[in-house]
Protein backbone atom coordinates (compact mmCIF):
# COMPACT_ATOMS: atom_id res chain seq x y z
CA MET A 1 7.71 80.10 40.62
CA SER A 2 4.20 80.33 41.95
CA LYS A 3 2.49 76.99 42.44
CA THR A 4 0.02 77.90 45.14
CA SER A 5 -3.18 76.42 43.74
CA VAL A 6 -3.73 73.42 41.51
CA ILE A 7 -5.26 74.39 38.17
CA LEU A 8 -5.78 70.82 36.98
CA GLU A 9 -5.25 67.48 38.70
CA ILE A 10 -5.40 64.08 37.03
CA ASP A 11 -5.24 61.01 39.22
CA THR A 12 -4.33 57.66 37.63
CA PRO A 13 -3.62 54.33 39.33
CA HIS A 14 0.17 54.71 38.97
CA PHE A 15 0.83 58.45 39.06
CA ASN A 16 -0.68 61.82 39.84
CA VAL A 17 -0.44 64.82 37.49
CA ARG A 18 -0.83 68.30 38.98
CA LEU A 19 -0.77 71.44 36.87
CA TYR A 20 0.03 74.72 38.59
CA GLU A 21 0.31 78.18 37.07
CA SER A 22 4.02 77.74 36.33
CA LEU A 23 4.77 74.08 37.09
CA LEU A 24 3.71 70.59 36.04
CA LYS A 25 4.26 67.89 38.67
CA ILE A 26 4.12 64.18 37.92
CA ASP A 27 4.39 62.02 41.02
CA LEU A 28 4.59 58.23 41.05
CA LYS A 29 2.39 56.65 43.65
CA GLY A 30 1.52 53.38 45.24
CA SER A 31 3.08 50.13 44.11
CA ALA A 32 5.14 51.54 41.21
CA LYS A 33 6.95 53.99 43.49
CA ASN A 34 7.34 51.40 46.24
CA GLU A 35 8.81 48.85 43.80
CA ILE A 36 11.41 51.35 42.57
CA VAL A 37 12.33 52.44 46.11
CA GLU A 38 12.52 48.82 47.29
CA ALA A 39 14.72 47.79 44.35
CA LEU A 40 17.08 50.68 45.03
CA GLU A 41 17.26 49.91 48.76
CA ASN A 42 17.87 46.17 48.28
CA LYS A 43 20.48 46.52 45.53
CA PRO A 44 23.22 49.01 46.42
CA ILE A 45 24.68 48.74 42.92
CA LEU A 46 21.36 49.92 41.46
CA ARG A 47 21.21 52.80 43.91
CA GLU A 48 24.71 53.88 42.89
CA THR A 49 24.20 53.53 39.15
CA ILE A 50 20.60 54.39 38.30
CA GLY A 51 19.34 55.79 41.59
CA GLY A 52 20.54 59.28 40.72
CA ILE A 53 18.96 59.06 37.29
CA LEU A 54 15.63 57.88 38.69
CA SER A 55 15.60 60.67 41.25
CA ILE A 56 15.51 63.08 38.33
CA PHE A 57 12.33 61.46 36.99
CA ALA A 58 10.37 60.50 40.08
CA PRO A 59 8.85 62.83 41.16
CA LEU A 60 9.10 64.88 38.00
CA HIS A 61 8.69 68.65 38.20
CA VAL A 62 8.74 70.58 34.93
CA ARG A 63 8.63 74.36 34.73
CA LEU A 64 6.13 75.39 32.07
CA SER A 65 8.61 77.92 30.68
CA ASP A 66 10.93 74.97 29.89
CA ILE A 67 8.38 73.23 27.64
CA ASP A 68 8.74 73.92 23.91
CA SER A 69 5.44 72.35 22.88
CA VAL A 70 2.79 69.82 23.85
CA ARG A 71 1.15 67.20 21.64
CA MET A 72 -1.46 64.53 22.12
CA ASP A 73 -1.51 61.24 20.22
CA LYS A 74 -4.62 59.25 19.26
CA SER A 75 -4.40 56.96 22.29
CA GLY A 76 -4.25 59.84 24.79
CA GLY A 77 -0.52 60.07 25.33
CA VAL A 78 0.58 63.63 26.10
CA LYS A 79 4.07 64.38 24.78
CA LEU A 80 6.00 67.26 26.33
CA ILE A 81 8.77 68.53 24.05
CA LEU A 82 11.68 69.79 26.19
CA PRO A 83 14.64 71.58 24.57
CA ARG A 84 17.49 70.41 26.83
CA HIS A 85 16.09 67.12 28.08
CA ARG A 86 14.47 63.99 26.81
CA ASP A 87 10.85 64.42 25.80
CA ILE A 88 8.28 63.17 28.30
CA THR A 89 5.20 61.12 27.37
CA ILE A 90 2.36 60.91 29.89
CA PRO A 91 -0.12 58.08 29.19
CA LEU A 92 -3.63 59.35 29.93
CA LYS A 93 -7.20 58.75 28.80
CA VAL A 94 -8.14 60.77 25.71
CA ASN A 95 -10.48 63.19 27.53
CA GLU A 96 -7.93 63.80 30.33
CA ALA A 97 -5.14 64.26 27.79
CA LYS A 98 -7.19 66.80 25.84
CA ARG A 99 -7.91 68.82 29.00
CA LEU A 100 -4.24 68.78 30.00
CA VAL A 101 -3.00 69.77 26.52
CA ASP A 102 -5.54 72.60 26.29
CA LYS A 103 -4.55 74.00 29.71
CA LEU A 104 -0.84 73.64 28.97
CA ASN A 105 -1.22 75.44 25.64
CA GLN A 106 -2.94 78.30 27.49
CA LEU A 107 -0.33 78.57 30.25
CA ILE A 108 2.97 77.88 28.46
CA PRO A 109 3.07 81.09 26.35
CA LYS A 110 2.29 83.20 29.43
CA GLU A 111 5.07 81.52 31.43
CA LYS A 112 7.57 81.86 28.59
CA GLU A 113 6.79 85.58 28.44
CA LYS A 114 7.20 85.94 32.21
CA GLU A 115 10.51 84.05 32.08
CA LEU A 116 11.75 86.31 29.29
CA GLU A 117 10.82 89.39 31.34
CA ARG A 118 12.63 87.94 34.37
CA ALA A 119 15.72 87.25 32.26
CA ILE A 120 15.70 90.79 30.86
CA LYS A 121 15.36 92.25 34.36
CA ARG A 122 18.19 90.03 35.63
CA ARG A 123 20.40 91.16 32.76
CA GLU A 124 19.57 94.83 33.37
CA THR A 125 20.30 94.43 37.08
CA GLN A 126 23.61 92.72 36.32
CA LYS A 127 24.50 95.49 33.88
CA ILE A 128 23.73 98.20 36.45
CA GLU A 129 25.77 96.36 39.10
CA GLU A 130 28.68 95.98 36.69
CA GLU A 131 28.51 99.67 35.80
CA GLU A 132 28.44 100.64 39.49
CA ARG A 133 31.42 98.38 40.22
CA GLY A 134 33.20 99.77 37.19
CA ALA A 135 32.52 103.35 38.29
CA GLU A 136 33.71 102.58 41.82
CA HIS A 137 36.81 100.89 40.44
CA ALA A 138 37.48 103.78 38.08
CA GLU A 139 37.16 106.28 40.95
CA VAL A 140 39.59 104.32 43.08
CA VAL A 141 42.05 103.84 40.25
CA SER A 142 41.85 107.44 39.06
CA SER A 143 42.29 108.76 42.59
CA VAL A 144 45.31 106.54 43.15
CA PHE A 145 46.74 106.61 39.62
CA PRO A 146 45.51 109.62 37.67
CA VAL A 147 46.07 108.75 34.02
CA ALA A 148 45.11 110.74 30.96
CA GLN A 149 43.27 108.64 28.37
CA PRO A 150 44.68 108.61 24.84
CA PRO A 151 42.43 110.32 22.28
CA GLY A 152 39.66 108.12 20.86
CA VAL A 153 39.77 105.35 23.51
CA LEU A 154 36.49 106.32 25.14
CA GLU A 155 34.73 106.59 21.74
CA LYS A 156 35.93 103.10 20.74
CA LEU A 157 34.76 101.69 24.06
CA LYS A 158 31.34 103.27 23.65
CA GLU A 159 31.02 101.90 20.09
CA SER A 160 31.89 98.38 21.20
CA GLU A 161 29.32 98.58 24.03
CA GLU A 162 26.67 99.70 21.54
CA GLU A 163 27.53 96.77 19.24
CA ILE A 164 27.20 94.34 22.13
CA GLU A 165 23.82 95.81 23.08
CA LYS A 166 22.61 95.46 19.46
CA GLU A 167 23.72 91.81 19.37
CA GLU A 168 21.94 91.10 22.66
CA GLN A 169 18.79 92.77 21.34
CA VAL A 170 18.89 90.61 18.19
CA GLU A 171 19.30 87.48 20.35
CA ARG A 172 16.30 88.47 22.49
CA ASP A 173 14.12 89.06 19.43
């Protein structure tokens, strides 16, 4: 996840929004952050119950590849649609919101494509490792217990592997 240089930064009185090539960071600042931290420190029951939940949201780091879509409302609120989480709304001024939405809409498809390529490479690597382990295991087993395979077993195995590969290809498409 490269986040070396800030592409866009929006500074508001209560939070800071930084957009990197593959990451969106929203950090609370000043009095809002201090009030939350103080409330959690002074009330142990709050720290135990909602402290963990708040730590998820403040600071908030969202990988661009995890964002399904981005919308802007008339008042300047930017809504991030996330598939496995609650949607996030960032209240901004209309001109700031438009800049952020435009940049996000440029970067999100590129990051989704990169993430898909990474997933495919991971899967191929796992498959190669499994095949190598299987070959090593087969060599050990066949050297220790030489067994003749019944006719047709290898063909059935190959057919089932081809079916699995077709299903995985359909899922990727």
